[in-house]
Protein backbone atom coordinates (compact mmCIF):
# COMPACT_ATOMS: atom_id res chain seq x y z
CA MET A 1 116.45 53.44 62.32
CA PRO A 2 114.85 53.27 58.96
CA LEU A 3 114.81 49.53 59.18
CA LEU A 4 113.05 49.59 62.63
CA LYS A 5 110.49 51.96 61.29
CA LEU A 6 109.93 49.78 58.31
CA TRP A 7 109.56 46.80 60.69
CA ASN A 8 107.00 48.56 62.84
CA THR A 9 105.24 49.58 59.85
CA LEU A 10 105.02 46.06 58.59
CA ARG A 11 103.97 44.81 62.13
CA GLY A 12 101.22 47.52 62.19
CA ARG A 13 99.64 46.24 59.08
CA SER A 14 99.84 42.71 59.98
CA GLY A 15 98.19 43.34 63.29
CA GLU A 16 94.95 44.65 61.73
CA PRO A 17 92.27 41.92 61.53
CA SER A 18 91.80 40.75 58.04
CA GLN A 19 88.31 41.25 56.65
CA PRO A 20 86.72 37.97 55.31
CA GLU A 21 86.08 38.12 51.67
CA LYS A 22 82.68 38.17 50.60
CA SER A 23 81.81 34.95 48.82
CA ALA A 24 80.37 35.53 45.61
CA GLN A 25 76.93 33.90 45.79
CA PRO A 26 74.78 33.65 42.75
CA ASN A 27 71.88 36.01 42.60
CA ALA A 28 68.69 34.59 41.30
CA SER A 29 67.98 37.88 39.64
CA SER A 30 71.46 38.34 38.28
CA ASP A 31 72.27 37.62 34.69
CA PRO A 32 73.19 34.11 33.91
CA ALA A 33 76.78 33.07 33.67
CA PRO A 34 78.42 33.39 30.29
CA GLY A 35 77.69 30.45 28.14
CA ALA A 36 74.54 29.50 30.04
CA THR A 37 71.26 29.66 28.09
CA ASN A 38 68.25 31.16 29.70
CA PRO A 39 65.18 28.93 28.80
CA THR A 40 62.48 30.74 27.06
CA PRO A 41 59.05 30.34 28.84
CA ILE A 42 56.84 28.09 26.82
CA ALA A 43 53.34 29.36 26.40
CA LYS A 44 50.76 26.84 27.55
CA LYS A 45 48.46 25.64 24.77
CA LYS A 46 44.81 25.99 25.43
CA THR A 47 43.14 22.70 25.50
CA ALA A 48 39.99 22.56 23.39
CA THR A 49 37.15 21.66 25.67
CA ALA A 50 33.75 20.29 24.78
CA THR A 51 32.43 23.82 25.12
CA ASP A 52 34.97 25.18 22.63
CA ARG A 53 34.10 22.37 20.09
CA ALA A 54 30.31 22.95 20.48
CA PRO A 55 30.01 25.93 18.13
CA ALA A 56 31.70 24.01 15.30
CA ALA A 57 29.57 20.88 15.81
CA THR A 58 26.41 23.03 16.09
CA THR A 59 27.31 24.78 12.84
CA ALA A 60 27.88 21.46 11.03
CA LYS A 61 24.60 20.03 12.36
CA ALA A 62 22.83 23.24 11.39
CA ALA A 63 24.25 22.98 7.92
CA SER A 64 22.96 19.41 7.47
CA VAL A 65 19.50 20.31 8.87
CA THR A 66 19.00 23.36 6.78
CA LYS A 67 19.88 21.64 3.56
CA VAL A 68 17.60 22.86 0.98
CA VAL A 69 15.32 20.17 -0.46
CA PRO A 70 13.45 20.93 -3.68
CA ALA A 71 9.74 21.13 -3.05
CA GLU A 72 7.76 18.33 -4.84
CA THR A 73 4.85 19.40 -6.98
CA PRO A 74 1.68 18.17 -5.38
CA ALA A 75 -0.13 15.63 -7.44
CA PRO A 76 -3.54 16.86 -8.80
CA PRO A 77 -6.55 15.41 -6.85
CA ALA A 78 -8.15 12.39 -8.36
CA LYS A 79 -11.28 13.22 -10.25
CA LYS A 80 -14.34 11.38 -8.94
CA ALA A 81 -16.10 9.34 -11.53
CA ARG A 82 -19.36 11.04 -12.43
CA LEU A 83 -22.54 9.07 -12.87
CA SER A 84 -23.55 8.87 -16.50
CA LEU A 85 -27.12 8.02 -17.51
CA PHE A 86 -25.59 5.90 -20.36
CA GLY A 87 -23.25 4.24 -17.95
CA GLY A 88 -19.98 5.61 -19.47
CA SER A 89 -18.13 5.27 -16.10
CA SER A 90 -20.27 2.69 -14.35
CA ALA A 91 -20.19 -1.08 -14.29
CA ASN A 92 -23.99 -0.98 -14.34
CA GLY A 93 -24.03 0.95 -17.63
CA PRO A 94 -26.08 -1.56 -19.67
CA LEU A 95 -28.81 -1.58 -17.00
CA LEU A 96 -28.87 2.16 -16.50
CA LYS A 97 -29.29 2.60 -20.17
CA GLN A 98 -32.24 0.31 -20.39
CA ILE A 99 -34.21 1.95 -17.48
CA LYS A 100 -33.35 5.71 -18.05
CA SER A 101 -36.49 6.22 -20.10
CA LEU A 102 -38.86 4.35 -17.91
CA SER A 103 -41.52 5.98 -15.77
CA VAL A 104 -41.02 4.15 -12.45
CA GLU A 105 -42.62 4.91 -9.12
CA THR A 106 -41.96 1.65 -7.43
CA ALA A 107 -38.89 -0.61 -8.05
CA LEU A 108 -38.08 -4.07 -6.63
CA GLU A 109 -34.53 -5.41 -6.68
CA VAL A 110 -34.00 -9.17 -5.86
CA GLY A 111 -30.30 -9.68 -4.88
CA VAL A 112 -28.87 -6.30 -4.06
CA GLY A 113 -25.07 -6.99 -3.84
CA ASP A 114 -23.25 -4.19 -1.90
CA GLY A 115 -25.97 -1.54 -2.60
CA SER A 116 -23.93 0.42 -5.31
CA ARG A 117 -26.39 -0.73 -8.06
CA ALA A 118 -29.45 0.38 -6.01
CA ILE A 119 -27.94 3.94 -5.65
CA GLU A 120 -27.26 4.25 -9.34
CA VAL A 121 -30.73 2.88 -10.30
CA ILE A 122 -32.54 5.32 -8.07
CA GLN A 123 -30.39 8.30 -9.26
CA THR A 124 -31.10 7.32 -12.83
CA LEU A 125 -34.80 6.98 -12.39
CA THR A 126 -35.31 10.23 -10.39
CA ALA A 127 -33.23 12.20 -12.84
CA GLN A 128 -36.00 11.57 -15.49
CA SER A 129 -38.85 12.68 -13.16
CA ASP A 130 -39.60 14.76 -10.11
CA LYS A 131 -41.47 11.96 -8.58
CA THR A 132 -40.10 10.00 -5.67
CA VAL A 133 -39.12 6.33 -6.45
CA ARG A 134 -40.05 3.82 -3.81
CA TYR A 135 -37.21 1.29 -3.63
CA ILE A 136 -37.66 -2.17 -2.32
CA ALA A 137 -34.89 -4.62 -1.67
CA LEU A 138 -35.23 -8.36 -1.21
CA ASP A 139 -32.10 -10.21 0.04
CA GLN A 140 -31.02 -12.42 2.82
CA PHE A 141 -27.65 -10.61 3.27
CA GLU A 142 -25.32 -12.32 5.87
CA MET A 143 -28.02 -14.84 6.74
CA ALA A 144 -27.36 -16.59 3.38
CA GLY A 145 -23.56 -16.04 3.37
CA GLY A 146 -23.66 -12.65 1.61
CA GLU A 147 -20.46 -10.40 1.91
CA THR A 148 -22.59 -7.32 2.65
CA THR A 149 -24.58 -7.26 5.96
CA LEU A 150 -28.01 -5.86 6.29
CA MET A 151 -26.65 -2.98 8.47
CA GLN A 152 -23.92 -2.12 5.91
CA PHE A 153 -26.52 -2.03 3.16
CA HIS A 154 -28.68 0.41 5.21
CA GLN A 155 -25.73 2.66 6.00
CA LYS A 156 -24.62 2.87 2.47
CA LEU A 157 -27.99 3.82 1.04
CA ARG A 158 -28.58 6.31 3.83
CA ALA A 159 -25.23 7.98 3.24
CA ALA A 160 -26.40 8.45 -0.46
CA GLY A 161 -29.75 9.86 0.55
CA VAL A 162 -31.72 6.86 -0.77
CA SER A 163 -34.57 5.56 1.47
CA SER A 164 -35.38 1.87 1.11
CA GLN A 165 -37.77 -0.74 2.26
CA VAL A 166 -35.77 -3.95 2.91
CA TYR A 167 -37.08 -7.51 3.21
CA PRO A 168 -34.35 -9.74 4.54
CA GLU A 169 -36.11 -12.99 3.66
CA SER A 170 -36.13 -15.91 1.21
CA LEU A 171 -37.39 -15.19 -2.31
CA ASP A 172 -40.71 -16.86 -1.90
CA ARG A 173 -41.53 -15.30 1.45
CA GLY A 174 -40.30 -11.89 0.38
CA LEU A 175 -42.35 -11.80 -2.80
CA THR A 176 -45.41 -12.88 -0.72
CA ARG A 177 -44.84 -9.96 1.73
CA VAL A 178 -44.42 -7.48 -1.16
CA ALA A 179 -47.74 -8.67 -2.62
CA HIS A 180 -49.43 -8.26 0.72
CA THR A 181 -47.95 -4.93 1.79
CA ILE A 182 -47.20 -3.07 -1.42
CA GLY A 183 -49.08 -4.71 -4.30
CA SER A 184 -47.92 -4.06 -7.79
CA VAL A 185 -44.52 -2.58 -8.84
CA ASP A 186 -43.28 -0.91 -12.02
CA LEU A 187 -39.83 -2.46 -12.23
CA VAL A 188 -38.37 -5.78 -11.06
CA LEU A 189 -34.61 -6.44 -11.13
CA PHE A 190 -33.49 -10.04 -10.72
CA SER A 191 -29.82 -10.46 -9.81
CA GLN A 192 -30.00 -14.04 -8.69
CA PRO A 193 -29.12 -17.36 -10.48
CA GLN A 194 -32.01 -18.38 -12.82
CA ASN A 195 -32.51 -21.70 -10.98
CA GLU A 196 -33.46 -19.90 -7.88
CA TRP A 197 -36.31 -17.90 -9.37
CA ASP A 198 -37.35 -19.76 -12.62
CA THR A 199 -39.89 -22.05 -11.03
CA PRO A 200 -43.72 -22.21 -11.22
CA GLU A 201 -44.05 -21.00 -7.62
CA ILE A 202 -41.93 -17.86 -8.15
CA HIS A 203 -43.67 -17.08 -11.37
CA GLY A 204 -46.90 -17.31 -9.62
CA LEU A 205 -45.69 -14.83 -7.03
CA LEU A 206 -44.40 -12.51 -9.77
CA ALA A 207 -47.87 -12.53 -11.25
CA ARG A 208 -49.26 -11.13 -8.00
CA ILE A 209 -46.96 -8.03 -8.11
CA CYS A 210 -46.74 -7.37 -11.87
CA LYS A 211 -49.16 -5.33 -13.95
CA PRO A 212 -49.14 -5.21 -17.71
CA SER A 213 -46.67 -2.30 -17.85
CA THR A 214 -44.35 -3.84 -15.37
CA VAL A 215 -40.78 -4.32 -16.63
CA VAL A 216 -38.91 -7.39 -15.42
CA LEU A 217 -35.09 -7.54 -16.17
CA VAL A 218 -32.94 -10.50 -15.48
CA HIS A 219 -29.21 -10.25 -14.91
CA GLU A 220 -27.53 -12.72 -17.36
CA GLY A 221 -23.80 -12.38 -17.39
CA PRO A 222 -22.71 -8.79 -17.99
CA SER A 223 -26.06 -7.73 -19.54
CA TRP A 224 -29.75 -7.37 -18.28
CA GLN A 225 -32.32 -9.12 -20.40
CA PRO A 226 -36.14 -8.78 -20.34
CA LEU A 227 -37.98 -11.80 -19.02
CA LYS A 228 -38.28 -14.37 -21.72
CA ARG A 229 -41.53 -14.72 -23.53
CA SER A 230 -42.05 -18.28 -22.26
CA SER A 231 -41.65 -17.07 -18.74
CA GLN A 232 -43.88 -14.04 -19.39
CA SER A 233 -46.56 -16.30 -20.85
CA GLN A 234 -46.58 -18.23 -17.54
CA VAL A 235 -46.80 -15.05 -15.55
CA GLY A 236 -49.71 -13.67 -17.45
CA PRO A 237 -52.08 -16.65 -16.99
CA ASN A 238 -51.15 -16.96 -13.34
CA ARG A 239 -51.78 -13.33 -12.72
CA ARG A 240 -55.25 -13.52 -14.32
CA ALA A 241 -56.08 -16.59 -12.33
CA ALA A 242 -55.13 -14.78 -9.16
């Protein structure tokens, strides 16, 4: 009987349905198996963009622009040459020295150049007297190949406050017009080659505009010389004959 009971007992156990074993499935959230390494998450590096680099570039550029440059000391303004009655700073010094003591009311210049001499002559003559000096110019300017035109001459004298009466004609015709319209003069300046004026005809015309006190100066090289005695002796008789 004990054996039968044991048998039934064994049969009763074996008759119960066996429960399927749960398969061990890995859990994603479970801990890793022993020996396995869990990779450490790698932090993403921030890629420098053009915007990120801009401040550094701007700073470098600003540093180069704001570089301190030592200020240069301004040069002193050039001093203008002052007109000296003795011609200390003028190329026409010898002439100015000769005429500074003259009493002149009417001056005739034959061959005027660029007009600089005329300005200095008038300034020198008026500095000695309160009288106005009448200035007469005789030159053909560009019509005879001169470097200074008639208009440039007028503009230069006008800018210096010098009034002038200009005869843009040949020497003989100009002297004839001066004799007819003005008469005698106090000062004559010849700045032309001697062969152009040292002729009997020109000396005869000079006699018509010269008076005993008239000073005639001739430009010879760097200096101005009074008209030679031989020439003056020709002017005197011609003037008396006229």
